[in-house]
Amino acid sequence: MYAVEMIGITKRFGDFTANNKVNLLVEKGEIHCLLGENGAGKTTLMNVLFGLYKPEEGTVRINGKTVENHSSRNAFHLGLGMVHQHFMLVDALTIWENVIIGNELGKFTINEKESIHAVQALADQYNFDLDVTQKVSELSVGKKQRVEILKTLYRGANIIILDEPTAVLSPPEVLQLLDILRDMKSEGKTIVFITHKLNEIKVVADHVTVLRAGESVETCAVADKSVTDLANMMVGHEVSFDQKREDQVPGEVVLSLRNVRLLPNAQNTVSFDIRAGEIVGIAGVEDNGQQQLEEMIMGFTKCKEGSIVLLGDDITKWNTKKRCAKGIGYIPSDRLKRAILSGFSIVDNYLLGSQFSAEYVSHGLIKKKHLLERTKALMKSFDVRAVDENQSIGSLSGGNQQKMVLSRAVAKGADFVIACQPVRGLDIGAIQYIHEILLDLRRQGKAILLISAELTDIRKLSDRIAVLYKGEVLALKKNEDYTTEAIGLLMAGQKE
């Protein structure tokens, strides 16, 4: 029996067709993956399933019954739950308070004791490893993800939609989440999840449906396909995994950190150089000082101990604007917080960071024609897919938002680029494309600091790798001097 049947779903936004006669059939009690490139229409289709969007055409059936006048309100009554890409949690509240919002226990007042017991029992049932009295602000990204899933389970969801659930997780957290999905499946839950990570599909999914350019092109058993098969199905052509980093001799030192203390309780300070024409990768489980390193280099957080030198100038006490003007291209780990204004158009977002630049502004007035021409050229060159440059950037897929941010940083021609989680949430085609851009910057003699939770990216792109643990560099060596296993042990805190 099918838990979900979506037949001939068409969803348009003005002249743009996000879904065109899409079919999706999900068997009861299975893990079903929805695969496709950024902008293929996956999230739109799931928003239709959850009742957030009303389709122009098509039929939705849940457990064999056609859904009429579908909305997110009756989605809960139908046993649907959805965990979105961006968490919808109140940091100031505890886990249990976040979970029960809108579904509180108690006749006239909230029964705190009973609520805590009920939420904790549910968390324990699925091995979530959560203390539900803890505040959400104190949680890691992975545990916040579990709280979102816990919210759907608490409301009695039997069909759970997960939109890019592993995009912001570290490798150990990914493994933990996949175990949780298996536990949920064994309890009879039906899971539909969007991911770009092909290895995850092979490990945990039963069936996969591929969307391409807003249309469903194939549904098949995952066991029948290889990772290469899945990649080719997704992009519609042969995918090459043979990108190589050519040997080259690095030039002069571009960025230098000396005795910088990333975390207050770190046993040692951090010192390293990045030279022209090399990529230095930072490997490590998240929350081990990567964010502090990013923020100190950019000037968001004060460097209270040690120094940062860029192109011969001590920039330790400089503000962010002055640092960027000196020659920093910045791809932040959190694009929503640091890189884009969701309600603004794409063309307006291309202006961000350059609103004082003579290239775009003259006598206090924006050179609109030049800005528009530059925006169109960058969108075409970096394959940023949108209706046009006036579309709200918040309405783009996460991958297209990321390509826009990357293109803006690269276009500045900076001598030093700090790339933080540059491929987070991207499909295989976009990942290959961004890898090539970073390697091309390296060929041009740019110095690049790569901070990524994806160890495969670190190994593929980096000339040297620094392993970060609790704010300390446990090892800094040439890429070829490590084994992947050795890096994994260092990431867990085991010194050489």
Protein backbone atom coordinates (compact mmCIF):
# COMPACT_ATOMS: atom_id res chain seq x y z
CA MET A 1 0.00 0.00 0.00
CA TYR A 2 1.21 3.49 -0.80
CA ALA A 3 1.47 5.94 2.07
CA VAL A 4 1.92 8.82 -0.41
CA GLU A 5 0.64 9.16 -3.97
CA MET A 6 1.29 12.37 -5.87
CA ILE A 7 -0.04 12.16 -9.42
CA GLY A 8 0.56 14.74 -12.14
CA ILE A 9 1.55 17.55 -9.76
CA THR A 10 2.13 20.90 -11.48
CA LYS A 11 3.12 23.98 -9.50
CA ARG A 12 3.87 27.37 -11.05
CA PHE A 13 5.15 30.65 -9.68
CA GLY A 14 4.12 33.22 -12.25
CA ASP A 15 5.76 32.19 -15.53
CA PHE A 16 8.10 29.77 -13.78
CA THR A 17 7.07 26.10 -13.58
CA ALA A 18 8.70 24.50 -10.54
CA ASN A 19 6.93 21.12 -10.91
CA ASN A 20 5.59 19.82 -14.21
CA LYS A 21 3.28 16.78 -14.00
CA VAL A 22 5.41 15.14 -11.31
CA ASN A 23 4.58 11.65 -10.00
CA LEU A 24 5.76 10.35 -6.63
CA LEU A 25 4.74 7.00 -5.11
CA VAL A 26 6.00 6.14 -1.63
CA GLU A 27 5.34 2.75 -0.08
CA LYS A 28 4.19 2.54 3.53
CA GLY A 29 7.04 1.93 6.00
CA GLU A 30 9.90 2.69 3.61
CA ILE A 31 12.64 5.28 3.37
CA HIS A 32 12.21 7.01 0.03
CA CYS A 33 14.73 9.51 -1.28
CA LEU A 34 13.92 12.46 -3.52
CA LEU A 35 17.01 13.23 -5.61
CA GLY A 36 17.74 16.06 -8.00
CA GLU A 37 19.97 19.01 -8.77
CA ASN A 38 19.57 22.32 -6.96
CA GLY A 39 16.43 23.97 -8.31
CA ALA A 40 14.97 20.69 -9.67
CA GLY A 41 11.75 21.24 -7.71
CA LYS A 42 12.23 18.85 -4.79
CA THR A 43 11.42 21.23 -1.93
CA THR A 44 8.48 22.68 -3.89
CA LEU A 45 7.03 19.17 -4.32
CA MET A 46 7.39 18.46 -0.61
CA ASN A 47 5.75 21.78 0.24
CA VAL A 48 2.82 20.70 -1.95
CA LEU A 49 2.68 17.37 -0.10
CA PHE A 50 2.67 19.15 3.26
CA GLY A 51 -0.02 21.60 2.15
CA LEU A 52 2.11 24.73 2.17
CA TYR A 53 1.58 25.19 -1.59
CA LYS A 54 -1.56 24.53 -3.61
CA PRO A 55 -0.79 22.93 -7.00
CA GLU A 56 -2.34 24.13 -10.24
CA GLU A 57 -2.86 20.50 -11.32
CA GLY A 58 -2.62 17.01 -9.86
CA THR A 59 -3.85 14.77 -7.08
CA VAL A 60 -2.48 14.01 -3.62
CA ARG A 61 -3.49 10.82 -1.81
CA ILE A 62 -2.45 9.91 1.74
CA ASN A 63 -2.88 6.26 2.68
CA GLY A 64 -5.18 5.75 -0.31
CA LYS A 65 -7.48 8.71 0.39
CA THR A 66 -7.59 11.75 -1.89
CA VAL A 67 -6.82 14.96 -0.02
CA GLU A 68 -9.20 17.86 -0.70
CA ASN A 69 -8.49 21.51 0.23
CA HIS A 70 -5.07 20.52 1.52
CA SER A 71 -3.29 22.82 4.00
CA SER A 72 -0.51 22.58 6.56
CA ARG A 73 -3.18 22.57 9.28
CA ASN A 74 -4.81 19.37 8.07
CA ALA A 75 -1.39 17.87 7.23
CA PHE A 76 -0.93 17.18 10.94
CA HIS A 77 -4.36 15.50 11.11
CA LEU A 78 -3.32 13.31 8.16
CA GLY A 79 -0.21 12.19 10.03
CA LEU A 80 2.26 14.29 8.02
CA GLY A 81 5.26 15.98 9.60
CA MET A 82 7.92 18.08 7.88
CA VAL A 83 11.42 19.07 8.98
CA HIS A 84 12.58 22.05 6.91
CA GLN A 85 16.13 22.92 5.84
CA HIS A 86 16.27 25.85 8.23
CA PHE A 87 15.33 25.06 11.81
CA MET A 88 12.19 26.60 13.31
CA LEU A 89 13.17 26.55 16.97
CA VAL A 90 13.10 29.15 19.74
CA ASP A 91 16.63 29.22 21.16
CA ALA A 92 15.56 30.76 24.49
CA LEU A 93 13.21 27.86 25.26
CA THR A 94 14.04 24.33 26.39
CA ILE A 95 13.71 21.28 24.16
CA TRP A 96 10.45 20.17 25.74
CA GLU A 97 8.96 23.66 25.48
CA ASN A 98 9.82 23.81 21.77
CA VAL A 99 8.31 20.37 21.20
CA ILE A 100 4.95 20.99 22.89
CA ILE A 101 4.24 24.45 21.41
CA GLY A 102 0.75 24.31 19.94
CA ASN A 103 0.07 20.89 21.47
CA GLU A 104 0.39 21.49 25.22
CA LEU A 105 -0.61 19.08 27.98
CA GLY A 106 -2.80 20.46 30.77
CA LYS A 107 -6.34 21.72 31.12
CA PHE A 108 -5.86 25.33 32.20
CA THR A 109 -2.10 25.58 32.57
CA ILE A 110 0.75 23.60 31.05
CA ASN A 111 1.46 20.44 33.03
CA GLU A 112 5.25 20.81 33.12
CA LYS A 113 6.04 17.50 34.84
CA GLU A 114 3.83 15.44 32.52
CA SER A 115 5.10 17.29 29.43
CA ILE A 116 8.76 16.74 30.30
CA HIS A 117 8.09 13.05 30.98
CA ALA A 118 6.22 12.57 27.68
CA VAL A 119 8.84 14.34 25.55
CA GLN A 120 11.77 12.62 27.29
CA ALA A 121 10.14 9.19 26.84
CA LEU A 122 9.70 9.84 23.13
CA ALA A 123 13.31 11.03 22.77
CA ASP A 124 14.56 7.92 24.56
CA GLN A 125 12.38 5.63 22.42
CA TYR A 126 14.26 6.72 19.29
CA ASN A 127 17.71 6.98 20.96
CA PHE A 128 17.92 10.74 20.36
CA ASP A 129 20.40 11.26 23.25
CA LEU A 130 18.65 14.44 24.43
CA ASP A 131 18.05 15.95 27.86
CA VAL A 132 14.75 17.68 27.11
CA THR A 133 15.24 20.20 29.95
CA GLN A 134 18.25 21.68 28.14
CA LYS A 135 17.88 24.99 26.31
CA VAL A 136 17.97 24.84 22.51
CA SER A 137 20.61 27.60 22.43
CA GLU A 138 23.05 25.17 24.09
CA LEU A 139 22.63 22.41 21.50
CA SER A 140 24.85 21.40 18.60
CA VAL A 141 23.43 21.59 15.08
CA GLY A 142 22.92 17.82 15.06
CA LYS A 143 20.88 17.87 18.26
CA LYS A 144 18.76 20.75 16.96
CA GLN A 145 17.97 18.56 13.96
CA ARG A 146 16.79 15.82 16.32
CA VAL A 147 14.56 18.29 18.17
CA GLU A 148 12.85 19.16 14.88
CA ILE A 149 12.22 15.47 14.21
CA LEU A 150 11.02 15.04 17.79
CA LYS A 151 8.45 17.80 17.21
CA THR A 152 6.92 15.89 14.31
CA LEU A 153 6.85 12.61 16.24
CA TYR A 154 5.23 14.29 19.25
CA ARG A 155 2.39 15.44 17.01
CA GLY A 156 1.80 11.83 15.92
CA ALA A 157 3.35 11.99 12.45
CA ASN A 158 3.57 8.66 10.63
CA ILE A 159 4.85 10.14 7.36
CA ILE A 160 7.89 12.35 7.93
CA ILE A 161 9.39 14.64 5.29
CA LEU A 162 13.03 15.65 5.77
CA ASP A 163 14.41 18.43 3.57
CA GLU A 164 18.22 18.14 3.34
CA PRO A 165 18.49 16.69 6.86
CA THR A 166 22.26 16.14 6.71
CA ALA A 167 23.28 19.36 4.98
CA VAL A 168 24.48 21.03 8.19
CA LEU A 169 25.67 17.95 10.08
CA SER A 170 29.20 16.72 10.75
CA PRO A 171 30.10 13.17 9.60
CA PRO A 172 29.49 11.59 13.06
CA GLU A 173 26.15 13.39 13.33
CA VAL A 174 25.17 12.12 9.88
CA LEU A 175 25.77 8.53 10.99
CA GLN A 176 23.71 9.13 14.12
CA LEU A 177 20.84 10.58 12.09
CA LEU A 178 20.87 7.65 9.65
CA ASP A 179 20.61 5.29 12.63
CA ILE A 180 17.62 7.31 13.87
CA LEU A 181 15.94 7.02 10.46
CA ARG A 182 16.40 3.24 10.55
CA ASP A 183 14.87 3.14 14.04
CA MET A 184 11.91 5.22 12.84
CA LYS A 185 11.43 2.88 9.88
CA SER A 186 11.47 -0.17 12.21
CA GLU A 187 8.68 1.53 14.20
CA GLY A 188 6.58 1.65 11.02
CA LYS A 189 7.19 5.28 10.06
CA THR A 190 7.33 6.30 6.39
CA ILE A 191 10.17 8.68 5.58
CA VAL A 192 10.63 10.87 2.51
CA PHE A 193 13.88 12.75 2.47
CA ILE A 194 15.70 15.08 0.13
CA THR A 195 19.46 14.76 -0.06
CA HIS A 196 22.28 15.38 -2.52
CA LYS A 197 24.62 12.93 -0.79
CA LEU A 198 24.61 9.84 -2.94
CA ASN A 199 26.42 7.61 -0.45
CA GLU A 200 23.70 8.29 2.13
CA ILE A 201 21.06 7.15 -0.35
CA LYS A 202 22.91 3.88 -0.88
CA VAL A 203 23.23 3.31 2.86
CA VAL A 204 19.70 4.04 4.06
CA ALA A 205 17.09 4.43 1.29
CA ASP A 206 14.82 1.74 -0.19
CA HIS A 207 13.67 3.63 -3.31
CA VAL A 208 14.69 6.84 -5.03
CA THR A 209 12.72 9.19 -7.27
CA VAL A 210 14.78 11.50 -9.48
CA LEU A 211 13.59 14.99 -10.44
CA ARG A 212 15.23 16.91 -13.25
CA ALA A 213 14.20 20.42 -14.32
CA GLY A 214 10.92 20.12 -12.43
CA GLU A 215 9.93 16.73 -13.88
CA SER A 216 10.06 13.21 -12.45
CA VAL A 217 12.34 11.12 -14.67
CA GLU A 218 12.70 7.81 -12.84
CA THR A 219 11.81 5.85 -9.70
CA CYS A 220 13.83 2.75 -8.87
CA ALA A 221 15.10 0.50 -6.10
CA VAL A 222 18.31 1.90 -4.65
CA ALA A 223 19.90 -1.55 -4.51
CA ASP A 224 19.73 -1.71 -8.32
CA LYS A 225 21.85 1.42 -8.86
CA SER A 226 25.45 2.41 -8.20
CA VAL A 227 26.50 5.84 -6.93
CA THR A 228 27.65 6.69 -10.46
CA ASP A 229 24.27 5.59 -11.86
CA LEU A 230 22.49 7.87 -9.40
CA ALA A 231 24.75 10.82 -10.25
CA ASN A 232 24.18 10.35 -13.98
CA MET A 233 20.40 10.04 -13.48
CA MET A 234 20.35 13.25 -11.48
CA VAL A 235 22.22 15.47 -13.95
CA GLY A 236 21.14 13.72 -17.16
CA HIS A 237 24.65 13.00 -18.45
CA GLU A 238 27.87 11.22 -17.50
CA VAL A 239 29.45 12.68 -14.37
CA SER A 240 33.24 12.70 -14.08
CA PHE A 241 34.80 12.16 -10.67
CA ASP A 242 38.33 12.67 -12.01
CA GLN A 243 39.02 16.29 -10.99
CA LYS A 244 42.66 16.56 -10.04
CA ARG A 245 44.72 19.10 -8.14
CA GLU A 246 47.86 19.71 -10.18
CA ASP A 247 51.24 20.06 -8.52
CA GLN A 248 52.44 23.64 -8.23
CA VAL A 249 54.90 25.54 -6.08
CA PRO A 250 53.22 28.03 -3.72
CA GLY A 251 54.38 31.63 -3.64
CA GLU A 252 54.79 34.23 -0.90
CA VAL A 253 52.85 34.15 2.38
CA VAL A 254 49.49 35.90 1.98
CA LEU A 255 47.85 35.25 5.37
CA SER A 256 49.64 34.51 8.61
CA LEU A 257 48.17 33.60 12.01
CA ARG A 258 50.52 33.75 14.98
CA ASN A 259 49.64 32.48 18.46
CA VAL A 260 45.90 33.06 18.02
CA ARG A 261 43.73 31.60 20.78
CA LEU A 262 40.51 30.38 19.19
CA LEU A 263 38.76 29.07 22.31
CA PRO A 264 39.25 30.42 25.85
CA ASN A 265 39.92 26.94 27.25
CA ALA A 266 42.14 25.75 24.38
CA GLN A 267 45.42 24.24 25.63
CA ASN A 268 47.44 25.81 22.82
CA THR A 269 47.23 28.76 20.46
CA VAL A 270 47.08 28.40 16.68
CA SER A 271 49.78 29.44 14.20
CA PHE A 272 49.98 28.79 10.45
CA ASP A 273 50.60 30.50 7.10
CA ILE A 274 48.75 30.33 3.79
CA ARG A 275 50.76 31.03 0.66
CA ALA A 276 49.79 32.27 -2.78
CA GLY A 277 48.62 29.41 -4.96
CA GLU A 278 47.80 26.95 -2.19
CA ILE A 279 44.71 25.68 -0.40
CA VAL A 280 44.96 24.99 3.31
CA GLY A 281 42.08 22.84 4.54
CA ILE A 282 40.73 22.85 8.08
CA ALA A 283 39.44 19.39 9.04
CA GLY A 284 37.51 18.75 12.22
CA VAL A 285 34.16 17.98 13.77
CA GLU A 286 32.09 21.16 13.96
CA ASP A 287 32.24 23.34 17.11
CA ASN A 288 35.96 22.80 17.60
CA GLY A 289 36.95 26.37 16.80
CA GLN A 290 36.12 26.57 13.08
CA GLN A 291 33.50 29.28 13.58
CA GLN A 292 35.85 31.30 15.81
CA LEU A 293 38.62 31.01 13.21
CA GLU A 294 36.26 32.27 10.50
CA GLU A 295 34.98 35.15 12.65
CA MET A 296 38.42 36.27 13.84
CA ILE A 297 39.85 36.37 10.33
CA MET A 298 36.85 38.41 9.15
CA GLY A 299 36.87 40.72 12.18
CA PHE A 300 33.45 39.73 13.53
CA THR A 301 35.07 38.53 16.76
CA LYS A 302 38.00 40.23 18.46
CA CYS A 303 41.30 38.40 18.41
CA LYS A 304 42.31 38.86 22.06
CA GLU A 305 45.54 36.91 21.83
CA GLY A 306 47.95 36.65 18.93
CA SER A 307 48.05 38.38 15.55
CA ILE A 308 46.63 38.10 12.02
CA VAL A 309 48.72 39.45 9.12
CA LEU A 310 47.34 39.85 5.58
CA LEU A 311 49.67 40.76 2.69
CA GLY A 312 52.23 42.18 5.11
CA ASP A 313 49.80 44.30 7.17
CA ASP A 314 48.80 43.43 10.73
CA ILE A 315 45.00 43.45 10.47
CA THR A 316 44.32 42.13 13.99
CA LYS A 317 42.52 45.30 15.05
CA TRP A 318 41.04 46.26 11.68
CA ASN A 319 37.29 46.26 11.13
CA THR A 320 35.64 43.96 8.61
CA LYS A 321 35.16 46.63 5.94
CA LYS A 322 38.85 47.53 5.96
CA ARG A 323 39.89 43.86 5.83
CA CYS A 324 37.70 43.17 2.79
CA ALA A 325 39.06 46.27 1.04
CA LYS A 326 42.58 44.98 1.67
CA GLY A 327 41.83 41.82 -0.28
CA ILE A 328 39.57 39.17 1.28
CA GLY A 329 36.95 37.19 -0.62
CA TYR A 330 34.49 35.68 1.84
CA ILE A 331 32.17 32.68 1.51
CA PRO A 332 30.54 32.38 4.96
CA SER A 333 29.46 29.16 6.65
CA ASP A 334 26.01 30.67 7.31
CA ARG A 335 24.85 32.39 4.14
CA LEU A 336 21.49 33.44 5.65
CA LYS A 337 23.22 35.24 8.51
CA ARG A 338 26.34 36.59 6.80
CA ALA A 339 25.85 36.65 3.03
CA ILE A 340 22.34 37.37 1.77
CA LEU A 341 19.21 39.39 2.50
CA SER A 342 16.43 36.91 1.73
CA GLY A 343 13.74 39.48 0.94
CA PHE A 344 15.95 41.40 -1.50
CA SER A 345 16.37 40.68 -5.20
CA ILE A 346 19.35 38.82 -6.64
CA VAL A 347 20.71 42.01 -8.21
CA ASP A 348 20.51 43.85 -4.86
CA ASN A 349 22.34 41.00 -3.16
CA TYR A 350 25.15 41.27 -5.71
CA LEU A 351 25.65 44.83 -4.50
CA LEU A 352 26.13 43.75 -0.86
CA GLY A 353 29.70 44.31 0.26
CA SER A 354 30.36 46.59 -2.72
CA GLN A 355 27.95 49.41 -1.88
CA PHE A 356 30.91 51.73 -1.28
CA SER A 357 32.93 50.52 -4.27
CA ALA A 358 33.69 52.92 -7.11
CA GLU A 359 32.84 50.10 -9.52
CA TYR A 360 29.17 50.24 -8.54
CA VAL A 361 28.71 53.67 -6.95
CA SER A 362 29.46 57.17 -8.23
CA HIS A 363 28.83 60.36 -6.22
CA GLY A 364 26.58 58.42 -3.85
CA LEU A 365 24.44 56.94 -6.65
CA ILE A 366 24.35 53.30 -7.70
CA LYS A 367 25.42 52.58 -11.28
CA LYS A 368 22.31 50.52 -11.93
CA LYS A 369 23.06 49.68 -15.54
CA HIS A 370 26.53 48.40 -14.73
CA LEU A 371 25.26 46.48 -11.69
CA LEU A 372 22.55 44.84 -13.79
CA GLU A 373 24.98 43.87 -16.56
CA ARG A 374 27.47 42.48 -14.03
CA THR A 375 24.72 40.52 -12.26
CA LYS A 376 23.51 38.92 -15.50
CA ALA A 377 27.07 38.00 -16.48
CA LEU A 378 27.84 36.40 -13.12
CA MET A 379 24.54 34.52 -13.04
CA LYS A 380 25.26 33.08 -16.46
CA SER A 381 28.90 32.30 -15.73
CA PHE A 382 28.16 30.57 -12.42
CA ASP A 383 24.89 28.94 -13.49
CA VAL A 384 22.70 30.72 -10.91
CA ARG A 385 19.25 29.52 -11.96
CA ALA A 386 16.36 31.95 -11.53
CA VAL A 387 13.47 33.49 -13.48
CA ASP A 388 15.52 36.69 -13.76
CA GLU A 389 17.84 38.89 -11.72
CA ASN A 390 14.91 40.63 -9.99
CA GLN A 391 13.67 37.42 -8.36
CA SER A 392 13.91 37.38 -4.54
CA ILE A 393 17.04 35.49 -3.55
CA GLY A 394 15.12 33.90 -0.69
CA SER A 395 12.96 32.07 -3.24
CA LEU A 396 15.96 30.33 -4.82
CA SER A 397 17.10 26.85 -3.84
CA GLY A 398 19.92 26.71 -1.29
CA GLY A 399 22.34 25.59 -3.97
CA ASN A 400 21.59 28.55 -6.23
CA GLN A 401 21.91 30.91 -3.28
CA GLN A 402 25.33 29.42 -2.56
CA LYS A 403 26.47 29.77 -6.17
CA MET A 404 25.43 33.43 -6.08
CA VAL A 405 27.45 34.02 -2.88
CA LEU A 406 30.47 32.25 -4.35
CA SER A 407 30.33 34.19 -7.62
CA ARG A 408 30.16 37.49 -5.74
CA ALA A 409 33.21 36.59 -3.64
CA VAL A 410 35.24 35.38 -6.63
CA ALA A 411 34.32 38.43 -8.74
CA LYS A 412 36.11 40.73 -6.31
CA GLY A 413 39.48 39.32 -7.40
CA ALA A 414 40.77 39.15 -3.81
CA ASP A 415 44.23 37.71 -3.11
CA PHE A 416 42.92 35.69 -0.16
CA VAL A 417 39.67 33.69 -0.12
CA ILE A 418 38.17 32.14 3.00
CA ALA A 419 35.70 29.47 1.90
CA CYS A 420 33.60 28.15 4.79
CA GLN A 421 31.37 25.11 4.04
CA PRO A 422 31.31 26.16 0.35
CA VAL A 423 29.47 23.05 -0.90
CA ARG A 424 27.04 22.59 1.98
CA GLY A 425 23.65 21.49 0.64
CA LEU A 426 24.79 21.31 -2.99
CA ASP A 427 24.16 18.55 -5.52
CA ILE A 428 26.96 16.56 -7.14
CA GLY A 429 27.02 18.73 -10.27
CA ALA A 430 27.25 21.97 -8.28
CA ILE A 431 29.89 20.47 -5.98
CA GLN A 432 32.08 19.53 -8.96
CA TYR A 433 31.60 23.03 -10.37
CA ILE A 434 32.59 24.78 -7.13
CA HIS A 435 35.57 22.47 -6.68
CA GLU A 436 36.78 23.53 -10.12
CA ILE A 437 36.33 27.22 -9.25
CA LEU A 438 38.43 26.85 -6.08
CA LEU A 439 41.11 24.94 -7.98
CA ASP A 440 41.10 27.63 -10.67
CA LEU A 441 41.60 30.32 -8.00
CA ARG A 442 44.56 28.27 -6.78
CA ARG A 443 45.98 28.22 -10.35
CA GLN A 444 45.62 32.01 -10.43
CA GLY A 445 47.83 32.27 -7.36
CA LYS A 446 45.14 33.02 -4.80
CA ALA A 447 45.61 31.86 -1.21
CA ILE A 448 42.61 29.87 0.01
CA LEU A 449 41.55 28.78 3.48
CA LEU A 450 39.00 25.97 3.15
CA ILE A 451 36.88 25.18 6.21
CA SER A 452 34.61 22.22 5.55
CA ALA A 453 32.81 19.49 7.48
CA GLU A 454 33.13 17.33 4.34
CA LEU A 455 36.37 15.38 4.66
CA THR A 456 36.17 14.29 1.01
CA ASP A 457 36.35 17.96 -0.04
CA ILE A 458 39.28 18.62 2.27
CA ARG A 459 41.19 15.62 0.86
CA LYS A 460 40.38 16.46 -2.75
CA LEU A 461 41.25 20.16 -2.73
CA SER A 462 43.83 20.87 -0.03
CA ASP A 463 47.59 21.14 -0.42
CA ARG A 464 48.03 21.08 3.35
CA ILE A 465 45.56 20.03 6.03
CA ALA A 466 45.27 21.32 9.60
CA VAL A 467 43.19 19.15 11.95
CA LEU A 468 41.36 21.23 14.54
CA TYR A 469 40.26 19.79 17.89
CA LYS A 470 39.00 21.88 20.83
CA GLY A 471 40.51 25.02 19.37
CA GLU A 472 43.93 23.47 18.85
CA VAL A 473 45.71 22.35 15.68
CA LEU A 474 46.68 18.74 16.46
CA ALA A 475 48.49 18.30 13.14
CA LEU A 476 49.39 20.38 10.07
CA LYS A 477 50.94 18.44 7.19
CA LYS A 478 50.85 17.97 3.46
CA ASN A 479 47.70 16.26 2.22
CA GLU A 480 49.59 13.21 0.96
CA ASP A 481 51.23 12.69 4.37
CA TYR A 482 47.89 11.74 5.93
CA THR A 483 45.66 8.72 5.58
CA THR A 484 41.92 9.33 5.85
CA GLU A 485 41.88 7.09 8.93
CA ALA A 486 44.61 9.17 10.59
CA ILE A 487 42.64 12.38 10.00
CA GLY A 488 39.53 10.74 11.48
CA LEU A 489 41.44 9.78 14.64
CA LEU A 490 42.86 13.30 14.96
CA MET A 491 39.36 14.75 14.53
CA ALA A 492 38.34 12.60 17.53
CA GLY A 493 41.17 14.08 19.60
CA GLN A 494 43.74 11.29 19.33
CA LYS A 495 47.12 12.97 18.93
CA GLU A 496 49.82 11.46 16.75
